N, C-alpha and C. Protein backbone atom coordinates (compact mmCIF):
# COMPACT_ATOMS: atom_id res chain seq x y z
N MET A 1 -70.62 -55.55 -231.88
CA MET A 1 -71.25 -56.82 -231.65
C MET A 1 -71.16 -57.18 -230.17
N GLU A 2 -72.25 -57.60 -229.60
CA GLU A 2 -72.29 -57.97 -228.19
C GLU A 2 -72.07 -59.46 -228.03
N LYS A 3 -71.26 -59.82 -227.05
CA LYS A 3 -70.93 -61.21 -226.78
C LYS A 3 -71.09 -61.48 -225.29
N GLU A 4 -71.87 -62.49 -224.96
CA GLU A 4 -72.07 -62.87 -223.57
C GLU A 4 -71.17 -64.06 -223.26
N CYS A 5 -70.40 -63.96 -222.19
CA CYS A 5 -69.44 -65.00 -221.82
C CYS A 5 -69.69 -65.45 -220.38
N PHE A 6 -69.38 -66.71 -220.12
CA PHE A 6 -69.49 -67.25 -218.77
C PHE A 6 -68.14 -67.84 -218.39
N PHE A 7 -67.69 -67.52 -217.20
CA PHE A 7 -66.41 -68.00 -216.69
C PHE A 7 -66.64 -68.64 -215.33
N SER A 8 -65.99 -69.76 -215.09
CA SER A 8 -66.13 -70.40 -213.79
C SER A 8 -64.77 -70.63 -213.18
N GLY A 9 -64.73 -70.65 -211.87
CA GLY A 9 -63.48 -70.86 -211.16
C GLY A 9 -63.64 -70.53 -209.70
N TYR A 10 -62.54 -70.55 -209.00
CA TYR A 10 -62.53 -70.27 -207.57
C TYR A 10 -62.49 -68.77 -207.31
N CYS A 11 -63.38 -68.31 -206.45
CA CYS A 11 -63.41 -66.91 -206.04
C CYS A 11 -62.91 -66.83 -204.60
N ARG A 12 -61.79 -66.19 -204.43
CA ARG A 12 -61.19 -66.09 -203.09
C ARG A 12 -62.04 -65.19 -202.18
N GLN A 13 -62.63 -64.16 -202.74
CA GLN A 13 -63.45 -63.25 -201.94
C GLN A 13 -64.65 -63.98 -201.34
N LEU A 14 -65.27 -64.87 -202.12
CA LEU A 14 -66.41 -65.66 -201.64
C LEU A 14 -65.97 -66.97 -200.99
N ASP A 15 -64.69 -67.32 -201.17
CA ASP A 15 -64.12 -68.58 -200.69
C ASP A 15 -64.90 -69.78 -201.22
N GLY A 16 -65.10 -69.77 -202.52
CA GLY A 16 -65.81 -70.88 -203.15
C GLY A 16 -65.81 -70.72 -204.65
N SER A 17 -66.34 -71.73 -205.31
CA SER A 17 -66.40 -71.65 -206.77
C SER A 17 -67.65 -70.88 -207.18
N ARG A 18 -67.57 -70.28 -208.36
CA ARG A 18 -68.72 -69.54 -208.87
C ARG A 18 -68.62 -69.39 -210.37
N VAL A 19 -69.73 -69.00 -210.96
CA VAL A 19 -69.81 -68.70 -212.39
C VAL A 19 -70.05 -67.21 -212.51
N VAL A 20 -69.28 -66.57 -213.37
CA VAL A 20 -69.39 -65.13 -213.59
C VAL A 20 -69.85 -64.89 -215.02
N GLU A 21 -70.84 -64.03 -215.17
CA GLU A 21 -71.32 -63.65 -216.50
C GLU A 21 -70.69 -62.31 -216.86
N ALA A 22 -70.21 -62.21 -218.08
CA ALA A 22 -69.62 -60.96 -218.57
C ALA A 22 -70.18 -60.66 -219.95
N VAL A 23 -70.35 -59.38 -220.23
CA VAL A 23 -70.82 -58.95 -221.54
C VAL A 23 -69.73 -58.09 -222.16
N LEU A 24 -69.33 -58.47 -223.37
CA LEU A 24 -68.31 -57.73 -224.11
C LEU A 24 -68.97 -57.13 -225.35
N GLU A 25 -68.71 -55.85 -225.57
CA GLU A 25 -69.18 -55.19 -226.79
C GLU A 25 -67.96 -54.69 -227.54
N ASN A 26 -67.74 -55.27 -228.72
CA ASN A 26 -66.57 -54.94 -229.54
C ASN A 26 -65.26 -55.12 -228.75
N GLY A 27 -65.20 -56.18 -227.95
CA GLY A 27 -64.00 -56.48 -227.19
C GLY A 27 -63.84 -55.71 -225.89
N LYS A 28 -64.77 -54.82 -225.58
CA LYS A 28 -64.71 -54.03 -224.34
C LYS A 28 -65.71 -54.58 -223.34
N LEU A 29 -65.29 -54.74 -222.11
CA LEU A 29 -66.16 -55.24 -221.05
C LEU A 29 -67.17 -54.16 -220.69
N THR A 30 -68.46 -54.49 -220.79
CA THR A 30 -69.51 -53.52 -220.45
C THR A 30 -70.27 -53.91 -219.20
N GLU A 31 -70.35 -55.21 -218.91
CA GLU A 31 -71.04 -55.70 -217.72
C GLU A 31 -70.34 -56.93 -217.20
N VAL A 32 -70.31 -57.06 -215.88
CA VAL A 32 -69.77 -58.26 -215.23
C VAL A 32 -70.45 -58.39 -213.87
N ASP A 33 -70.80 -59.60 -213.48
CA ASP A 33 -71.51 -59.77 -212.22
C ASP A 33 -70.60 -60.22 -211.06
N CYS A 34 -69.42 -59.66 -211.03
CA CYS A 34 -68.52 -59.84 -209.88
C CYS A 34 -67.80 -58.51 -209.66
N CYS A 35 -66.83 -58.49 -208.79
CA CYS A 35 -66.12 -57.24 -208.45
C CYS A 35 -64.92 -56.99 -209.36
N TYR A 36 -64.92 -57.58 -210.55
CA TYR A 36 -63.80 -57.41 -211.48
C TYR A 36 -63.52 -55.92 -211.68
N GLY A 37 -62.27 -55.55 -211.55
CA GLY A 37 -61.88 -54.15 -211.69
C GLY A 37 -61.62 -53.49 -210.35
N SER A 38 -62.19 -54.05 -209.28
CA SER A 38 -61.97 -53.46 -207.96
C SER A 38 -61.71 -54.49 -206.87
N CYS A 39 -61.66 -55.76 -207.23
CA CYS A 39 -61.44 -56.83 -206.25
C CYS A 39 -59.98 -56.84 -205.79
N ILE A 40 -59.78 -56.97 -204.50
CA ILE A 40 -58.41 -56.98 -203.98
C ILE A 40 -57.66 -58.26 -204.33
N TYR A 41 -58.37 -59.30 -204.73
CA TYR A 41 -57.74 -60.56 -205.09
C TYR A 41 -57.59 -60.73 -206.60
N GLU A 42 -57.89 -59.72 -207.36
CA GLU A 42 -57.92 -59.81 -208.82
C GLU A 42 -56.60 -60.30 -209.43
N SER A 43 -55.48 -59.92 -208.87
CA SER A 43 -54.19 -60.30 -209.45
C SER A 43 -53.95 -61.81 -209.40
N SER A 44 -54.62 -62.52 -208.50
CA SER A 44 -54.44 -63.97 -208.41
C SER A 44 -55.72 -64.74 -208.75
N CYS A 45 -56.68 -64.07 -209.32
CA CYS A 45 -57.99 -64.66 -209.60
C CYS A 45 -58.02 -65.34 -210.97
N PRO A 46 -58.35 -66.64 -211.02
CA PRO A 46 -58.43 -67.32 -212.31
C PRO A 46 -59.58 -66.80 -213.18
N ILE A 47 -60.64 -66.35 -212.57
CA ILE A 47 -61.77 -65.80 -213.33
C ILE A 47 -61.37 -64.46 -213.96
N ALA A 48 -60.69 -63.62 -213.21
CA ALA A 48 -60.22 -62.33 -213.74
C ALA A 48 -59.26 -62.55 -214.91
N ALA A 49 -58.43 -63.57 -214.81
CA ALA A 49 -57.49 -63.88 -215.89
C ALA A 49 -58.25 -64.27 -217.16
N GLU A 50 -59.32 -65.02 -217.01
CA GLU A 50 -60.12 -65.42 -218.17
C GLU A 50 -60.86 -64.22 -218.77
N ILE A 51 -61.34 -63.32 -217.93
CA ILE A 51 -62.00 -62.11 -218.41
C ILE A 51 -61.01 -61.26 -219.20
N GLN A 52 -59.81 -61.11 -218.67
CA GLN A 52 -58.77 -60.34 -219.35
C GLN A 52 -58.43 -60.96 -220.71
N LYS A 53 -58.32 -62.27 -220.72
CA LYS A 53 -58.00 -62.99 -221.96
C LYS A 53 -59.11 -62.79 -223.01
N ALA A 54 -60.36 -62.82 -222.57
CA ALA A 54 -61.48 -62.63 -223.50
C ALA A 54 -61.48 -61.24 -224.09
N GLN A 55 -61.07 -60.23 -223.33
CA GLN A 55 -61.01 -58.87 -223.83
C GLN A 55 -59.91 -58.69 -224.87
N GLU A 56 -58.85 -59.48 -224.76
CA GLU A 56 -57.72 -59.38 -225.68
C GLU A 56 -57.97 -60.09 -227.01
N GLU A 57 -58.92 -61.00 -227.03
CA GLU A 57 -59.21 -61.77 -228.26
C GLU A 57 -59.96 -60.95 -229.27
């Protein structure tokens, strides 16, 4: 089952707030419109934390 999710928060790389769209298929991330997975700020990113949480649900 495909699920489209939207997450908003502060992006340190862009130095501003933004909305990120992510697509999950059976709990696995298949698409995301940010640098999730390779961003150097991912460990402190509130958006990345929400994406991770969505994958665990």
